[in-house]
Amino acid sequence: MKFVFLIFSLLFFATTRAQSLLDSVGNPGFNLQDTISEKLADLAIGNRNVIVEQRGLDVKKYEMKKNRAAWLNNIGANFNLNEANINSSSTNNANLFFPRYNLSMNLPLGYFFTKSRDVQISKANIELKKAELDVKVYEIRQAIKLQYQAYRANMFLLALHEAILQDELVIWKKTEAKFAKNEVTLETLSDASKRYQAELVKKINLLKDLNTSKYMLESLLGMTLEEALVKINPPAAVTPSTNQ
């Protein structure tokens, strides 16, 4: 008895949900556009491909900092002291040599030309990576919106088909009851059974399409759809009661 009640409850829930979706589809102003797809697209920054592009941009920035500091490696310095000046006595000032010390620095003549060009190349690489990152984010955003629309379309198609399936189930059950009373032929019963089974096959395919579109959407988001929906619509915080 409990099993029958459970089956009845599941059928009632599925029928009610399907009817709600059918009512939405039947509305003259119905369309597949909504605000959720745009909010989900904002989560594109979590996509793996976007993260890879961001890491590539970080590498280019590090390379630029390295190039800017590399000028220190091209400077050579020499410092020499005149030992005679350091060790000379005050009575032998006539033999002092000038200057007392020598300091020299060596910098390649072409350094300023090549270094400036290296910095320019680093800047250009950073700008290129930024542009590639922007393009990738845009592509992922569009893909998320398109895939979410495909998911919603499959959800509505499944709901529409659920109504057809239930009708065929009712017809098959009635035909089966009539056949038991010899009111219809075996051929009529067989036709009703085949129609119902054909609708079951369609349901399986529609479920597969719905699940596939969901998995593809989650791949783009980098998280489950349920997690994404919580992120864009976080549950309201519960305010502690002052009466406790």
C-alpha atoms as a PDB file:
ATOM      1  CA  MET A   1       0.000   0.000   0.000  1.00  0.00           C
ATOM      2  CA  LYS A   2       2.840   2.350   0.879  1.00  0.00           C
ATOM      3  CA  PHE A   3       4.497   1.529  -2.446  1.00  0.00           C
ATOM      4  CA  VAL A   4       1.335   2.365  -4.381  1.00  0.00           C
ATOM      5  CA  PHE A   5       1.004   5.612  -2.450  1.00  0.00           C
ATOM      6  CA  LEU A   6       4.628   6.487  -3.233  1.00  0.00           C
ATOM      7  CA  ILE A   7       4.126   5.856  -6.944  1.00  0.00           C
ATOM      8  CA  PHE A   8       0.948   7.937  -6.905  1.00  0.00           C
ATOM      9  CA  SER A   9       2.770  10.776  -5.110  1.00  0.00           C
ATOM     10  CA  LEU A  10       5.632  10.760  -7.636  1.00  0.00           C
ATOM     11  CA  LEU A  11       3.220  10.762 -10.547  1.00  0.00           C
ATOM     12  CA  PHE A  12       1.251  13.595  -8.984  1.00  0.00           C
ATOM     13  CA  PHE A  13       4.418  15.648  -8.427  1.00  0.00           C
ATOM     14  CA  ALA A  14       5.677  15.034 -11.975  1.00  0.00           C
ATOM     15  CA  THR A  15       2.275  15.854 -13.450  1.00  0.00           C
ATOM     16  CA  THR A  16       1.958  19.039 -11.385  1.00  0.00           C
ATOM     17  CA  ARG A  17       5.441  20.204 -12.358  1.00  0.00           C
ATOM     18  CA  ALA A  18       4.828  19.367 -15.999  1.00  0.00           C
ATOM     19  CA  GLN A  19       1.514  21.233 -15.919  1.00  0.00           C
ATOM     20  CA  SER A  20       3.252  24.290 -14.456  1.00  0.00           C
ATOM     21  CA  LEU A  21       5.783  24.256 -17.287  1.00  0.00           C
ATOM     22  CA  LEU A  22       3.004  23.707 -19.811  1.00  0.00           C
ATOM     23  CA  ASP A  23       1.185  26.746 -18.465  1.00  0.00           C
ATOM     24  CA  SER A  24       4.355  28.782 -18.941  1.00  0.00           C
ATOM     25  CA  VAL A  25       4.853  27.575 -22.513  1.00  0.00           C
ATOM     26  CA  GLY A  26       1.191  28.259 -23.329  1.00  0.00           C
ATOM     27  CA  ASN A  27       1.523  31.863 -22.212  1.00  0.00           C
ATOM     28  CA  PRO A  28       1.477  34.174 -25.295  1.00  0.00           C
ATOM     29  CA  GLY A  29       4.457  36.108 -23.938  1.00  0.00           C
ATOM     30  CA  PHE A  30       6.596  33.001 -23.361  1.00  0.00           C
ATOM     31  CA  ASN A  31      10.200  33.021 -24.562  1.00  0.00           C
ATOM     32  CA  LEU A  32      13.406  31.289 -23.590  1.00  0.00           C
ATOM     33  CA  GLN A  33      15.137  34.486 -22.477  1.00  0.00           C
ATOM     34  CA  ASP A  34      15.604  35.186 -18.786  1.00  0.00           C
ATOM     35  CA  THR A  35      17.949  36.955 -16.390  1.00  0.00           C
ATOM     36  CA  ILE A  36      19.515  33.772 -15.061  1.00  0.00           C
ATOM     37  CA  SER A  37      21.596  33.137 -18.192  1.00  0.00           C
ATOM     38  CA  GLU A  38      23.229  36.565 -17.916  1.00  0.00           C
ATOM     39  CA  LYS A  39      24.038  35.992 -14.236  1.00  0.00           C
ATOM     40  CA  LEU A  40      25.454  32.575 -15.002  1.00  0.00           C
ATOM     41  CA  ALA A  41      27.610  34.142 -17.720  1.00  0.00           C
ATOM     42  CA  ASP A  42      29.201  36.330 -15.041  1.00  0.00           C
ATOM     43  CA  LEU A  43      30.674  33.140 -13.578  1.00  0.00           C
ATOM     44  CA  ALA A  44      32.748  32.615 -16.757  1.00  0.00           C
ATOM     45  CA  ILE A  45      35.828  33.785 -14.849  1.00  0.00           C
ATOM     46  CA  GLY A  46      35.854  30.371 -13.158  1.00  0.00           C
ATOM     47  CA  ASN A  47      36.174  28.481 -16.450  1.00  0.00           C
ATOM     48  CA  ARG A  48      39.393  26.446 -16.790  1.00  0.00           C
ATOM     49  CA  ASN A  49      40.320  28.023 -20.121  1.00  0.00           C
ATOM     50  CA  VAL A  50      39.911  31.504 -18.668  1.00  0.00           C
ATOM     51  CA  ILE A  51      42.092  30.561 -15.702  1.00  0.00           C
ATOM     52  CA  VAL A  52      44.801  29.291 -18.070  1.00  0.00           C
ATOM     53  CA  GLU A  53      44.712  32.567 -20.022  1.00  0.00           C
ATOM     54  CA  GLN A  54      44.969  34.530 -16.763  1.00  0.00           C
ATOM     55  CA  ARG A  55      48.026  32.517 -15.735  1.00  0.00           C
ATOM     56  CA  GLY A  56      49.586  33.239 -19.127  1.00  0.00           C
ATOM     57  CA  LEU A  57      49.019  36.960 -18.547  1.00  0.00           C
ATOM     58  CA  ASP A  58      50.669  36.706 -15.128  1.00  0.00           C
ATOM     59  CA  VAL A  59      53.714  35.050 -16.722  1.00  0.00           C
ATOM     60  CA  LYS A  60      54.054  37.912 -19.214  1.00  0.00           C
ATOM     61  CA  LYS A  61      53.915  40.434 -16.381  1.00  0.00           C
ATOM     62  CA  TYR A  62      56.661  38.572 -14.519  1.00  0.00           C
ATOM     63  CA  GLU A  63      58.775  38.519 -17.681  1.00  0.00           C
ATOM     64  CA  MET A  64      58.418  42.281 -18.047  1.00  0.00           C
ATOM     65  CA  LYS A  65      59.561  42.869 -14.457  1.00  0.00           C
ATOM     66  CA  LYS A  66      62.519  40.593 -15.107  1.00  0.00           C
ATOM     67  CA  ASN A  67      63.462  42.532 -18.261  1.00  0.00           C
ATOM     68  CA  ARG A  68      63.289  45.839 -16.437  1.00  0.00           C
ATOM     69  CA  ALA A  69      65.663  44.608 -13.740  1.00  0.00           C
ATOM     70  CA  ALA A  70      68.046  42.866 -16.154  1.00  0.00           C
ATOM     71  CA  TRP A  71      70.041  46.078 -16.797  1.00  0.00           C
ATOM     72  CA  LEU A  72      71.974  45.422 -13.564  1.00  0.00           C
ATOM     73  CA  ASN A  73      73.493  42.309 -15.142  1.00  0.00           C
ATOM     74  CA  ASN A  74      75.058  44.402 -17.916  1.00  0.00           C
ATOM     75  CA  ILE A  75      76.986  46.814 -15.697  1.00  0.00           C
ATOM     76  CA  GLY A  76      80.624  46.065 -14.851  1.00  0.00           C
ATOM     77  CA  ALA A  77      82.448  48.157 -12.246  1.00  0.00           C
ATOM     78  CA  ASN A  78      86.147  48.409 -11.341  1.00  0.00           C
ATOM     79  CA  PHE A  79      87.518  50.122  -8.275  1.00  0.00           C
ATOM     80  CA  ASN A  80      91.304  50.565  -7.775  1.00  0.00           C
ATOM     81  CA  LEU A  81      93.203  52.250  -4.965  1.00  0.00           C
ATOM     82  CA  ASN A  82      96.661  53.792  -5.392  1.00  0.00           C
ATOM     83  CA  GLU A  83      98.572  51.926  -2.689  1.00  0.00           C
ATOM     84  CA  ALA A  84     101.362  54.481  -2.653  1.00  0.00           C
ATOM     85  CA  ASN A  85      98.920  57.212  -1.671  1.00  0.00           C
ATOM     86  CA  ILE A  86      97.415  55.123   1.107  1.00  0.00           C
ATOM     87  CA  ASN A  87     100.766  54.083   2.632  1.00  0.00           C
ATOM     88  CA  SER A  88     102.728  57.331   2.014  1.00  0.00           C
ATOM     89  CA  SER A  89     104.212  59.307   4.943  1.00  0.00           C
ATOM     90  CA  SER A  90     103.718  62.966   5.499  1.00  0.00           C
ATOM     91  CA  THR A  91     107.410  63.559   4.667  1.00  0.00           C
ATOM     92  CA  ASN A  92     107.168  62.145   1.210  1.00  0.00           C
ATOM     93  CA  ASN A  93     104.303  64.196  -0.171  1.00  0.00           C
ATOM     94  CA  ALA A  94     106.216  64.924  -3.357  1.00  0.00           C
ATOM     95  CA  ASN A  95     105.768  61.344  -4.498  1.00  0.00           C
ATOM     96  CA  LEU A  96     102.006  61.293  -4.181  1.00  0.00           C
ATOM     97  CA  PHE A  97     100.084  60.134  -7.222  1.00  0.00           C
ATOM     98  CA  PHE A  98      96.787  61.479  -8.295  1.00  0.00           C
ATOM     99  CA  PRO A  99      94.090  60.438  -8.311  1.00  0.00           C
ATOM    100  CA  ARG A 100      94.192  58.532  -5.054  1.00  0.00           C
ATOM    101  CA  TYR A 101      91.659  55.938  -6.405  1.00  0.00           C
ATOM    102  CA  ASN A 102      90.104  54.888  -9.753  1.00  0.00           C
ATOM    103  CA  LEU A 103      86.461  53.936 -10.343  1.00  0.00           C
ATOM    104  CA  SER A 104      85.255  52.793 -13.769  1.00  0.00           C
ATOM    105  CA  MET A 105      81.948  51.369 -15.029  1.00  0.00           C
ATOM    106  CA  ASN A 106      81.390  49.454 -18.257  1.00  0.00           C
ATOM    107  CA  LEU A 107      78.062  49.447 -20.068  1.00  0.00           C
ATOM    108  CA  PRO A 108      77.681  48.042 -23.603  1.00  0.00           C
ATOM    109  CA  LEU A 109      76.957  50.773 -26.140  1.00  0.00           C
ATOM    110  CA  GLY A 110      74.041  48.953 -27.691  1.00  0.00           C
ATOM    111  CA  TYR A 111      72.405  48.192 -24.358  1.00  0.00           C
ATOM    112  CA  PHE A 112      70.045  51.198 -24.282  1.00  0.00           C
ATOM    113  CA  PHE A 113      68.740  50.395 -27.773  1.00  0.00           C
ATOM    114  CA  THR A 114      68.199  46.660 -27.172  1.00  0.00           C
ATOM    115  CA  LYS A 115      66.855  47.119 -23.648  1.00  0.00           C
ATOM    116  CA  SER A 116      64.267  49.647 -24.735  1.00  0.00           C
ATOM    117  CA  ARG A 117      63.135  47.277 -27.469  1.00  0.00           C
ATOM    118  CA  ASP A 118      62.921  44.348 -25.013  1.00  0.00           C
ATOM    119  CA  VAL A 119      60.668  46.358 -22.696  1.00  0.00           C
ATOM    120  CA  GLN A 120      58.462  47.341 -25.638  1.00  0.00           C
ATOM    121  CA  ILE A 121      58.164  43.689 -26.662  1.00  0.00           C
ATOM    122  CA  SER A 122      57.211  42.729 -23.090  1.00  0.00           C
ATOM    123  CA  LYS A 123      54.516  45.431 -23.012  1.00  0.00           C
ATOM    124  CA  ALA A 124      53.177  44.260 -26.379  1.00  0.00           C
ATOM    125  CA  ASN A 125      53.039  40.653 -25.137  1.00  0.00           C
ATOM    126  CA  ILE A 126      51.075  41.748 -22.067  1.00  0.00           C
ATOM    127  CA  GLU A 127      48.580  43.680 -24.195  1.00  0.00           C
ATOM    128  CA  LEU A 128      48.254  40.660 -26.491  1.00  0.00           C
ATOM    129  CA  LYS A 129      47.570  38.365 -23.552  1.00  0.00           C
ATOM    130  CA  LYS A 130      44.996  40.805 -22.161  1.00  0.00           C
ATOM    131  CA  ALA A 131      43.215  40.836 -25.524  1.00  0.00           C
ATOM    132  CA  GLU A 132      43.280  37.029 -25.696  1.00  0.00           C
ATOM    133  CA  LEU A 133      41.869  36.853 -22.162  1.00  0.00           C
ATOM    134  CA  ASP A 134      39.049  39.257 -23.053  1.00  0.00           C
ATOM    135  CA  VAL A 135      38.201  37.206 -26.140  1.00  0.00           C
ATOM    136  CA  LYS A 136      38.187  33.975 -24.136  1.00  0.00           C
ATOM    137  CA  VAL A 137      35.922  35.452 -21.444  1.00  0.00           C
ATOM    138  CA  TYR A 138      33.531  36.739 -24.132  1.00  0.00           C
ATOM    139  CA  GLU A 139      33.438  33.342 -25.860  1.00  0.00           C
ATOM    140  CA  ILE A 140      32.793  31.497 -22.595  1.00  0.00           C
ATOM    141  CA  ARG A 141      30.068  33.967 -21.612  1.00  0.00           C
ATOM    142  CA  GLN A 142      28.290  33.440 -24.926  1.00  0.00           C
ATOM    143  CA  ALA A 143      28.687  29.685 -24.697  1.00  0.00           C
ATOM    144  CA  ILE A 144      27.205  29.661 -21.180  1.00  0.00           C
ATOM    145  CA  LYS A 145      24.164  31.659 -22.285  1.00  0.00           C
ATOM    146  CA  LEU A 146      23.597  29.460 -25.341  1.00  0.00           C
ATOM    147  CA  GLN A 147      24.029  26.260 -23.350  1.00  0.00           C
ATOM    148  CA  TYR A 148      21.686  27.417 -20.608  1.00  0.00           C
ATOM    149  CA  GLN A 149      19.073  28.193 -23.255  1.00  0.00           C
ATOM    150  CA  ALA A 150      19.535  24.684 -24.666  1.00  0.00           C
ATOM    151  CA  TYR A 151      19.093  23.285 -21.167  1.00  0.00           C
ATOM    152  CA  ARG A 152      15.868  25.240 -20.626  1.00  0.00           C
ATOM    153  CA  ALA A 153      14.548  24.239 -24.047  1.00  0.00           C
ATOM    154  CA  ASN A 154      15.180  20.569 -23.279  1.00  0.00           C
ATOM    155  CA  MET A 155      13.463  20.990 -19.925  1.00  0.00           C
ATOM    156  CA  PHE A 156      10.334  22.433 -21.556  1.00  0.00           C
ATOM    157  CA  LEU A 157      10.366  19.798 -24.314  1.00  0.00           C
ATOM    158  CA  LEU A 158      10.486  17.083 -21.662  1.00  0.00           C
ATOM    159  CA  ALA A 159       7.567  18.685 -19.821  1.00  0.00           C
ATOM    160  CA  LEU A 160       5.515  18.860 -23.020  1.00  0.00           C
ATOM    161  CA  HIS A 161       6.292  15.260 -23.788  1.00  0.00           C
ATOM    162  CA  GLU A 162       5.323  14.213 -20.255  1.00  0.00           C
ATOM    163  CA  ALA A 163       1.750  15.311 -20.978  1.00  0.00           C
ATOM    164  CA  ILE A 164       1.694  13.263 -24.184  1.00  0.00           C
ATOM    165  CA  LEU A 165       3.162  10.263 -22.356  1.00  0.00           C
ATOM    166  CA  GLN A 166       0.523  10.418 -19.644  1.00  0.00           C
ATOM    167  CA  ASP A 167      -2.236  10.564 -22.257  1.00  0.00           C
ATOM    168  CA  GLU A 168      -0.849   7.491 -24.014  1.00  0.00           C
ATOM    169  CA  LEU A 169      -0.591   5.706 -20.672  1.00  0.00           C
ATOM    170  CA  VAL A 170      -4.251   6.405 -19.929  1.00  0.00           C
ATOM    171  CA  ILE A 171      -5.267   5.208 -23.407  1.00  0.00           C
ATOM    172  CA  TRP A 172      -3.214   2.032 -23.056  1.00  0.00           C
ATOM    173  CA  LYS A 173      -4.682   1.257 -19.602  1.00  0.00           C
ATOM    174  CA  LYS A 174      -8.240   1.823 -20.854  1.00  0.00           C
ATOM    175  CA  THR A 175      -7.595  -0.325 -23.913  1.00  0.00           C
ATOM    176  CA  GLU A 176      -6.133  -3.046 -21.712  1.00  0.00           C
ATOM    177  CA  ALA A 177      -9.260  -2.963 -19.540  1.00  0.00           C
ATOM    178  CA  LYS A 178     -11.511  -3.163 -22.595  1.00  0.00           C
ATOM    179  CA  PHE A 179      -9.474  -6.038 -23.985  1.00  0.00           C
ATOM    180  CA  ALA A 180     -10.010  -7.931 -20.729  1.00  0.00           C
ATOM    181  CA  LYS A 181     -13.742  -7.549 -21.343  1.00  0.00           C
ATOM    182  CA  ASN A 182     -13.393  -8.589 -25.003  1.00  0.00           C
ATOM    183  CA  GLU A 183     -14.492  -5.121 -26.102  1.00  0.00           C
ATOM    184  CA  VAL A 184     -11.441  -4.512 -28.351  1.00  0.00           C
ATOM    185  CA  THR A 185      -9.231  -6.719 -30.473  1.00  0.00           C
ATOM    186  CA  LEU A 186      -5.676  -7.781 -29.727  1.00  0.00           C
ATOM    187  CA  GLU A 187      -4.495  -5.604 -32.576  1.00  0.00           C
ATOM    188  CA  THR A 188      -6.049  -2.521 -30.945  1.00  0.00           C
ATOM    189  CA  LEU A 189      -4.374  -3.400 -27.648  1.00  0.00           C
ATOM    190  CA  SER A 190      -1.054  -3.942 -29.422  1.00  0.00           C
ATOM    191  CA  ASP A 191      -1.291  -0.562 -31.190  1.00  0.00           C
ATOM    192  CA  ALA A 192      -1.991   1.236 -27.914  1.00  0.00           C
ATOM    193  CA  SER A 193       0.937  -0.542 -26.268  1.00  0.00           C
ATOM    194  CA  LYS A 194       3.300   0.334 -29.147  1.00  0.00           C
ATOM    195  CA  ARG A 195       2.302   4.004 -29.046  1.00  0.00           C
ATOM    196  CA  TYR A 196       2.945   4.149 -25.320  1.00  0.00           C
ATOM    197  CA  GLN A 197       6.323   2.406 -25.665  1.00  0.00           C
ATOM    198  CA  ALA A 198       7.298   4.763 -28.483  1.00  0.00           C
ATOM    199  CA  GLU A 199       6.626   7.722 -26.202  1.00  0.00           C
ATOM    200  CA  LEU A 200       8.750   6.073 -23.504  1.00  0.00           C
ATOM    201  CA  VAL A 201      11.636   5.878 -25.984  1.00  0.00           C
ATOM    202  CA  LYS A 202      11.187   9.565 -26.777  1.00  0.00           C
ATOM    203  CA  LYS A 203      11.256  10.362 -23.074  1.00  0.00           C
ATOM    204  CA  ILE A 204      14.560   8.544 -22.650  1.00  0.00           C
ATOM    205  CA  ASN A 205      16.074  10.511 -25.531  1.00  0.00           C
ATOM    206  CA  LEU A 206      14.731  13.779 -24.154  1.00  0.00           C
ATOM    207  CA  LEU A 207      16.156  12.962 -20.724  1.00  0.00           C
ATOM    208  CA  LYS A 208      19.502  12.216 -22.343  1.00  0.00           C
ATOM    209  CA  ASP A 209      19.424  15.568 -24.172  1.00  0.00           C
ATOM    210  CA  LEU A 210      18.491  17.380 -20.967  1.00  0.00           C
ATOM    211  CA  ASN A 211      21.272  15.756 -18.964  1.00  0.00           C
ATOM    212  CA  THR A 212      23.816  16.323 -21.756  1.00  0.00           C
ATOM    213  CA  SER A 213      22.998  20.022 -21.956  1.00  0.00           C
ATOM    214  CA  LYS A 214      23.281  20.241 -18.162  1.00  0.00           C
ATOM    215  CA  TYR A 215      26.676  18.528 -18.122  1.00  0.00           C
ATOM    216  CA  MET A 216      27.984  20.772 -20.905  1.00  0.00           C
ATOM    217  CA  LEU A 217      26.737  23.857 -19.047  1.00  0.00           C
ATOM    218  CA  GLU A 218      28.445  22.696 -15.856  1.00  0.00           C
ATOM    219  CA  SER A 219      31.676  22.123 -17.785  1.00  0.00           C
ATOM    220  CA  LEU A 220      31.586  25.744 -18.946  1.00  0.00           C
ATOM    221  CA  LEU A 221      30.768  27.008 -15.450  1.00  0.00           C
ATOM    222  CA  GLY A 222      33.416  24.910 -13.726  1.00  0.00           C
ATOM    223  CA  MET A 223      30.873  23.833 -11.095  1.00  0.00           C
ATOM    224  CA  THR A 224      27.517  22.104 -10.828  1.00  0.00           C
ATOM    225  CA  LEU A 225      24.454  24.008 -11.967  1.00  0.00           C
ATOM    226  CA  GLU A 226      23.057  23.809  -8.446  1.00  0.00           C
ATOM    227  CA  GLU A 227      26.206  25.453  -7.027  1.00  0.00           C
ATOM    228  CA  ALA A 228      26.087  28.143  -9.704  1.00  0.00           C
ATOM    229  CA  LEU A 229      22.453  28.955  -8.965  1.00  0.00           C
ATOM    230  CA  VAL A 230      23.273  29.349  -5.277  1.00  0.00           C
ATOM    231  CA  LYS A 231      26.136  31.698  -6.187  1.00  0.00           C
ATOM    232  CA  ILE A 232      23.963  33.994  -8.286  1.00  0.00           C
ATOM    233  CA  ASN A 233      21.011  33.792  -5.881  1.00  0.00           C
ATOM    234  CA  PRO A 234      22.468  33.216  -2.417  1.00  0.00           C
ATOM    235  CA  PRO A 235      19.931  32.224   0.245  1.00  0.00           C
ATOM    236  CA  ALA A 236      18.818  35.053   2.505  1.00  0.00           C
ATOM    237  CA  ALA A 237      20.695  35.249   5.772  1.00  0.00           C
ATOM    238  CA  VAL A 238      18.691  34.108   8.778  1.00  0.00           C
ATOM    239  CA  THR A 239      18.368  36.897  11.354  1.00  0.00           C
ATOM    240  CA  PRO A 240      18.722  35.584  14.914  1.00  0.00           C
ATOM    241  CA  SER A 241      15.564  36.016  16.977  1.00  0.00           C
ATOM    242  CA  THR A 242      15.801  38.528  19.795  1.00  0.00           C
ATOM    243  CA  ASN A 243      13.305  36.518  21.852  1.00  0.00           C
ATOM    244  CA  GLN A 244      15.646  33.613  22.407  1.00  0.00           C
END
